[in-house]
Protein backbone atom coordinates (compact mmCIF):
# COMPACT_ATOMS: atom_id res chain seq x y z
CA UNK A 1 -74.45 5.22 -14.00
CA UNK A 2 -73.14 8.64 -15.17
CA UNK A 3 -72.20 9.12 -18.81
CA UNK A 4 -68.47 8.99 -19.75
CA UNK A 5 -67.45 8.17 -16.15
CA UNK A 6 -65.91 4.79 -16.99
CA UNK A 7 -63.37 5.99 -19.61
CA UNK A 8 -62.15 8.81 -17.34
CA UNK A 9 -61.80 6.48 -14.34
CA UNK A 10 -59.97 3.92 -16.44
CA UNK A 11 -57.65 6.60 -17.81
CA UNK A 12 -56.84 7.83 -14.27
CA UNK A 13 -56.15 4.35 -13.03
CA UNK A 14 -53.91 3.65 -16.05
CA UNK A 15 -51.92 6.85 -15.43
CA UNK A 16 -51.46 6.00 -11.77
CA UNK A 17 -50.41 2.49 -12.71
CA UNK A 18 -47.79 3.78 -15.13
CA UNK A 19 -46.47 6.24 -12.58
CA UNK A 20 -46.34 3.49 -10.00
CA UNK A 21 -44.33 1.32 -12.38
CA UNK A 22 -41.96 4.17 -13.21
CA UNK A 23 -41.38 5.26 -9.62
CA UNK A 24 -39.20 2.27 -8.58
CA UNK A 25 -37.23 2.58 -11.82
CA UNK A 26 -36.76 6.28 -11.23
CA UNK A 27 -35.64 5.71 -7.68
CA UNK A 28 -33.22 3.03 -8.81
CA UNK A 29 -31.81 5.33 -11.48
CA UNK A 30 -31.43 8.16 -8.98
CA UNK A 31 -29.68 5.83 -6.55
CA UNK A 32 -27.39 4.60 -9.32
CA UNK A 33 -26.50 8.15 -10.33
CA UNK A 34 -25.90 9.16 -6.73
CA UNK A 35 -23.75 6.10 -6.14
CA UNK A 36 -21.76 6.82 -9.28
CA UNK A 37 -21.22 10.42 -8.21
CA UNK A 38 -20.07 9.40 -4.74
CA UNK A 39 -17.71 6.80 -6.20
CA UNK A 40 -16.25 9.35 -8.62
CA UNK A 41 -15.78 11.80 -5.74
CA UNK A 42 -14.08 9.07 -3.70
CA UNK A 43 -11.68 8.35 -6.56
CA UNK A 44 -10.81 12.03 -6.85
CA UNK A 45 -10.36 12.61 -3.11
CA UNK A 46 -8.90 9.30 -1.96
CA UNK A 47 -5.41 9.87 -3.35
CA UNK A 48 -4.92 13.33 -1.73
CA UNK A 49 -6.33 12.07 1.55
CA UNK A 50 -4.13 9.00 1.46
CA UNK A 51 -1.08 11.09 0.57
CA UNK A 52 -1.77 13.26 3.62
CA UNK A 53 -1.77 10.30 6.00
CA UNK A 54 1.95 10.52 6.68
CA UNK A 55 1.42 13.86 8.47
CA UNK A 56 -0.25 11.89 11.26
CA UNK A 57 2.38 9.13 11.26
CA UNK A 58 5.60 11.10 11.62
CA UNK A 59 6.07 14.37 13.45
CA UNK A 60 7.84 17.43 12.10
CA UNK A 61 10.67 17.05 14.63
CA UNK A 62 11.22 13.43 13.60
CA UNK A 63 11.33 14.48 9.96
CA UNK A 64 13.84 17.23 10.73
CA UNK A 65 16.06 14.80 12.66
CA UNK A 66 15.89 12.30 9.83
CA UNK A 67 16.84 14.91 7.26
CA UNK A 68 19.76 16.07 9.40
CA UNK A 69 21.03 12.50 9.60
CA UNK A 70 20.59 12.03 5.87
CA UNK A 71 22.46 15.25 5.16
CA UNK A 72 25.27 14.23 7.52
CA UNK A 73 25.61 10.92 5.68
CA UNK A 74 25.64 9.06 8.98
CA UNK A 75 24.53 5.80 7.41
CA UNK A 76 25.59 3.72 4.46
CA UNK A 77 22.40 1.62 4.48
CA UNK A 78 19.04 3.39 4.57
CA UNK A 79 15.76 1.51 5.03
CA UNK A 80 12.77 3.06 3.26
CA UNK A 81 9.07 2.20 3.39
CA UNK A 82 6.61 0.99 6.01
CA UNK A 83 6.81 -0.65 9.44
CA UNK A 84 8.63 -3.70 8.05
CA UNK A 85 11.46 -1.37 7.06
CA UNK A 86 11.33 0.20 10.53
CA UNK A 87 11.70 -3.15 12.31
CA UNK A 88 14.33 -4.45 9.90
CA UNK A 89 16.46 -1.37 10.55
CA UNK A 90 16.38 -1.59 14.34
CA UNK A 91 19.85 -3.08 14.74
CA UNK A 92 23.11 -1.59 13.60
CA UNK A 93 25.04 -2.45 11.49
CA UNK A 94 23.66 -4.11 8.37
CA UNK A 95 26.22 -5.84 6.14
CA UNK A 96 28.80 -4.25 8.44
CA UNK A 97 27.56 -0.74 7.59
CA UNK A 98 25.83 1.89 9.68
CA UNK A 99 22.03 1.92 9.35
CA UNK A 100 19.48 4.71 9.15
CA UNK A 101 15.72 4.22 9.35
CA UNK A 102 13.61 6.27 6.91
CA UNK A 103 10.57 4.03 7.27
CA UNK A 104 7.16 5.16 8.52
CA UNK A 105 4.94 2.65 10.28
CA UNK A 106 1.41 2.39 8.90
CA UNK A 107 2.07 4.30 5.69
CA UNK A 108 0.69 3.34 2.29
CA UNK A 109 2.56 3.42 -0.99
CA UNK A 110 0.74 6.59 -2.01
CA UNK A 111 1.56 8.19 1.32
CA UNK A 112 5.21 7.22 1.14
CA UNK A 113 5.60 8.68 -2.33
CA UNK A 114 4.40 12.00 -0.92
CA UNK A 115 6.56 11.59 2.18
CA UNK A 116 9.65 11.21 0.00
CA UNK A 117 9.12 14.73 -1.31
CA UNK A 118 9.91 15.90 2.23
CA UNK A 119 13.08 13.80 2.51
CA UNK A 120 16.37 15.57 1.90
CA UNK A 121 18.00 12.63 0.17
CA UNK A 122 21.72 12.99 -0.40
CA UNK A 123 23.03 12.54 -3.93
CA UNK A 124 24.80 9.33 -2.94
CA UNK A 125 23.52 6.55 -0.66
CA UNK A 126 25.63 3.37 -0.83
CA UNK A 127 22.63 1.07 -0.29
CA UNK A 128 18.89 1.58 0.04
CA UNK A 129 16.40 -1.09 1.10
CA UNK A 130 12.69 -0.67 0.30
CA UNK A 131 9.74 -2.46 1.91
CA UNK A 132 6.35 -1.10 0.87
CA UNK A 133 2.84 -2.25 -0.06
CA UNK A 134 1.34 -4.07 2.92
CA UNK A 135 -0.84 -1.17 4.07
CA UNK A 136 -1.96 -0.52 0.48
CA UNK A 137 -3.20 -4.12 0.16
CA UNK A 138 -5.70 -3.94 3.00
CA UNK A 139 -9.24 -4.64 1.84
CA UNK A 140 -11.39 -1.51 1.62
CA UNK A 141 -14.57 -0.56 -0.26
CA UNK A 142 -13.32 -1.65 -3.69
CA UNK A 143 -10.62 -4.12 -4.82
CA UNK A 144 -7.10 -2.75 -4.60
CA UNK A 145 -5.78 -1.51 -7.92
CA UNK A 146 -2.46 -3.12 -8.87
CA UNK A 147 -1.92 -0.67 -11.73
CA UNK A 148 -2.33 2.33 -9.43
CA UNK A 149 0.04 0.72 -6.93
CA UNK A 150 2.52 0.23 -9.78
CA UNK A 151 2.46 3.94 -10.63
CA UNK A 152 3.21 4.93 -7.04
CA UNK A 153 5.83 2.22 -6.50
CA UNK A 154 7.53 3.05 -9.79
CA UNK A 155 7.89 6.70 -8.75
CA UNK A 156 9.43 5.66 -5.40
CA UNK A 157 11.83 3.16 -6.96
CA UNK A 158 12.84 5.54 -9.76
CA UNK A 159 13.77 8.22 -7.22
CA UNK A 160 15.71 5.78 -5.06
CA UNK A 161 17.57 4.37 -8.05
CA UNK A 162 18.88 7.86 -8.79
CA UNK A 163 20.15 8.34 -5.24
CA UNK A 164 21.46 4.88 -4.34
CA UNK A 165 24.44 2.96 -5.65
CA UNK A 166 22.55 -0.25 -4.94
CA UNK A 167 18.84 -0.70 -4.19
CA UNK A 168 17.23 -3.77 -2.63
CA UNK A 169 13.45 -4.24 -2.90
CA UNK A 170 11.53 -6.68 -0.71
CA UNK A 171 8.20 -8.34 -1.60
CA UNK A 172 5.26 -8.07 0.77
CA UNK A 173 5.75 -10.42 3.73
CA UNK A 174 3.27 -13.25 4.23
CA UNK A 175 0.18 -12.61 6.34
CA UNK A 176 -1.34 -14.79 9.05
CA UNK A 177 -4.13 -17.00 7.74
CA UNK A 178 -6.77 -15.63 10.12
CA UNK A 179 -6.00 -12.04 9.07
CA UNK A 180 -5.86 -12.66 5.33
CA UNK A 181 -9.62 -11.95 4.86
CA UNK A 182 -8.94 -8.33 5.82
CA UNK A 183 -6.60 -8.02 2.83
CA UNK A 184 -7.18 -8.09 -0.90
CA UNK A 185 -5.47 -11.38 -1.67
CA UNK A 186 -4.97 -10.60 -5.36
CA UNK A 187 -3.30 -7.33 -4.37
CA UNK A 188 -0.91 -9.02 -1.93
CA UNK A 189 0.36 -11.20 -4.78
CA UNK A 190 0.08 -8.56 -7.49
CA UNK A 191 1.94 -5.89 -5.55
CA UNK A 192 4.94 -8.17 -5.02
CA UNK A 193 4.96 -9.12 -8.70
CA UNK A 194 4.86 -5.45 -9.64
CA UNK A 195 7.76 -4.62 -7.30
CA UNK A 196 9.81 -7.43 -8.83
CA UNK A 197 9.11 -6.15 -12.34
CA UNK A 198 10.09 -2.59 -11.41
CA UNK A 199 13.43 -3.70 -9.94
CA UNK A 200 15.04 -4.62 -13.25
CA UNK A 201 18.20 -2.51 -13.49
CA UNK A 202 21.62 -4.05 -12.68
CA UNK A 203 21.95 -2.04 -9.46
CA UNK A 204 18.52 -3.14 -8.17
CA UNK A 205 17.94 -6.54 -6.56
CA UNK A 206 14.57 -8.05 -5.65
CA UNK A 207 15.18 -10.27 -2.62
CA UNK A 208 12.71 -12.19 -0.45
CA UNK A 209 13.92 -12.41 3.17
CA UNK A 210 10.65 -14.04 4.25
CA UNK A 211 10.98 -17.43 2.52
CA UNK A 212 11.51 -19.29 5.79
CA UNK A 213 8.16 -18.18 7.21
CA UNK A 214 6.04 -18.70 4.09
CA UNK A 215 3.68 -21.69 4.22
CA UNK A 216 2.75 -23.92 1.29
CA UNK A 217 0.62 -20.97 0.27
CA UNK A 218 3.37 -18.35 -0.13
CA UNK A 219 1.01 -15.48 0.73
CA UNK A 220 0.23 -17.03 4.11
CA UNK A 221 2.67 -17.15 7.03
CA UNK A 222 3.56 -20.34 8.85
CA UNK A 223 1.77 -20.77 12.16
CA UNK A 224 3.58 -19.21 15.10
CA UNK A 225 5.69 -16.78 13.06
CA UNK A 226 3.55 -13.64 13.31
CA UNK A 227 2.54 -11.17 15.98
CA UNK A 228 -1.12 -11.26 17.15
CA UNK A 229 -1.95 -8.59 14.56
CA UNK A 230 -1.11 -11.15 11.87
CA UNK A 231 0.93 -8.61 9.89
CA UNK A 232 4.21 -8.14 11.74
CA UNK A 233 6.85 -10.80 12.22
CA UNK A 234 7.68 -12.22 15.63
CA UNK A 235 11.32 -12.47 14.57
CA UNK A 236 12.57 -9.71 12.31
CA UNK A 237 16.15 -10.62 13.18
CA UNK A 238 15.73 -13.89 11.28
CA UNK A 239 14.46 -12.09 8.18
CA UNK A 240 17.25 -9.56 8.51
CA UNK A 241 19.88 -12.33 8.60
CA UNK A 242 18.33 -13.88 5.49
CA UNK A 243 18.54 -10.51 3.74
CA UNK A 244 22.16 -10.06 4.76
CA UNK A 245 23.06 -13.54 3.54
CA UNK A 246 21.54 -12.70 0.14
CA UNK A 247 23.00 -9.20 -0.12
CA UNK A 248 26.32 -9.10 1.74
CA UNK A 249 28.42 -11.35 -0.45
């Protein structure tokens, strides 16, 4: 046995042991920091990317035609928002008044707020009808943020209140039970509550035209009332009639 060999060997083994114990912790810390950085980057970039989505959903020519019709005041009722607004505006008239569709299928609340900056809204629109929020409630990497939705929805509603004599705001329609797992359930309820709270002025009415197709769980649609995608109604005419009965008095 060589002199002093045991202490040096023990010291080397102890150092390697400590490094071995630290390595998983270091890797975990690095992964945590990387994950935090990626999440922060996603938060910073998600809003601009989402706002840009409307460029892929409506062409420049469609936008120009819409603005020409708005400028010509060819409609006394203008539907704003997502695909529900598009389908609700398909028939003319509404409450006996000419209709114009300013909805964009597939758009989020963030995207529609940006889209409105491109709209040449006249100073006076007799009635506006807003349906927004369904596409923002789809489940993604993190839970949907009701407060952030509220900021975007408030900006949309505030602008419309300035340009409409009367504004109607719809809640989110119910969703088919088998599709609900693809949505953030808390957001579906929270977004509608936020829209109701934002529509508080005398010339703003929060009206639910979807009551007849809501099941015992109001967030879930009755069986047989939705398209195969679970999001769009089979019968928008029925919801439209319900809206007219509530509004056109």
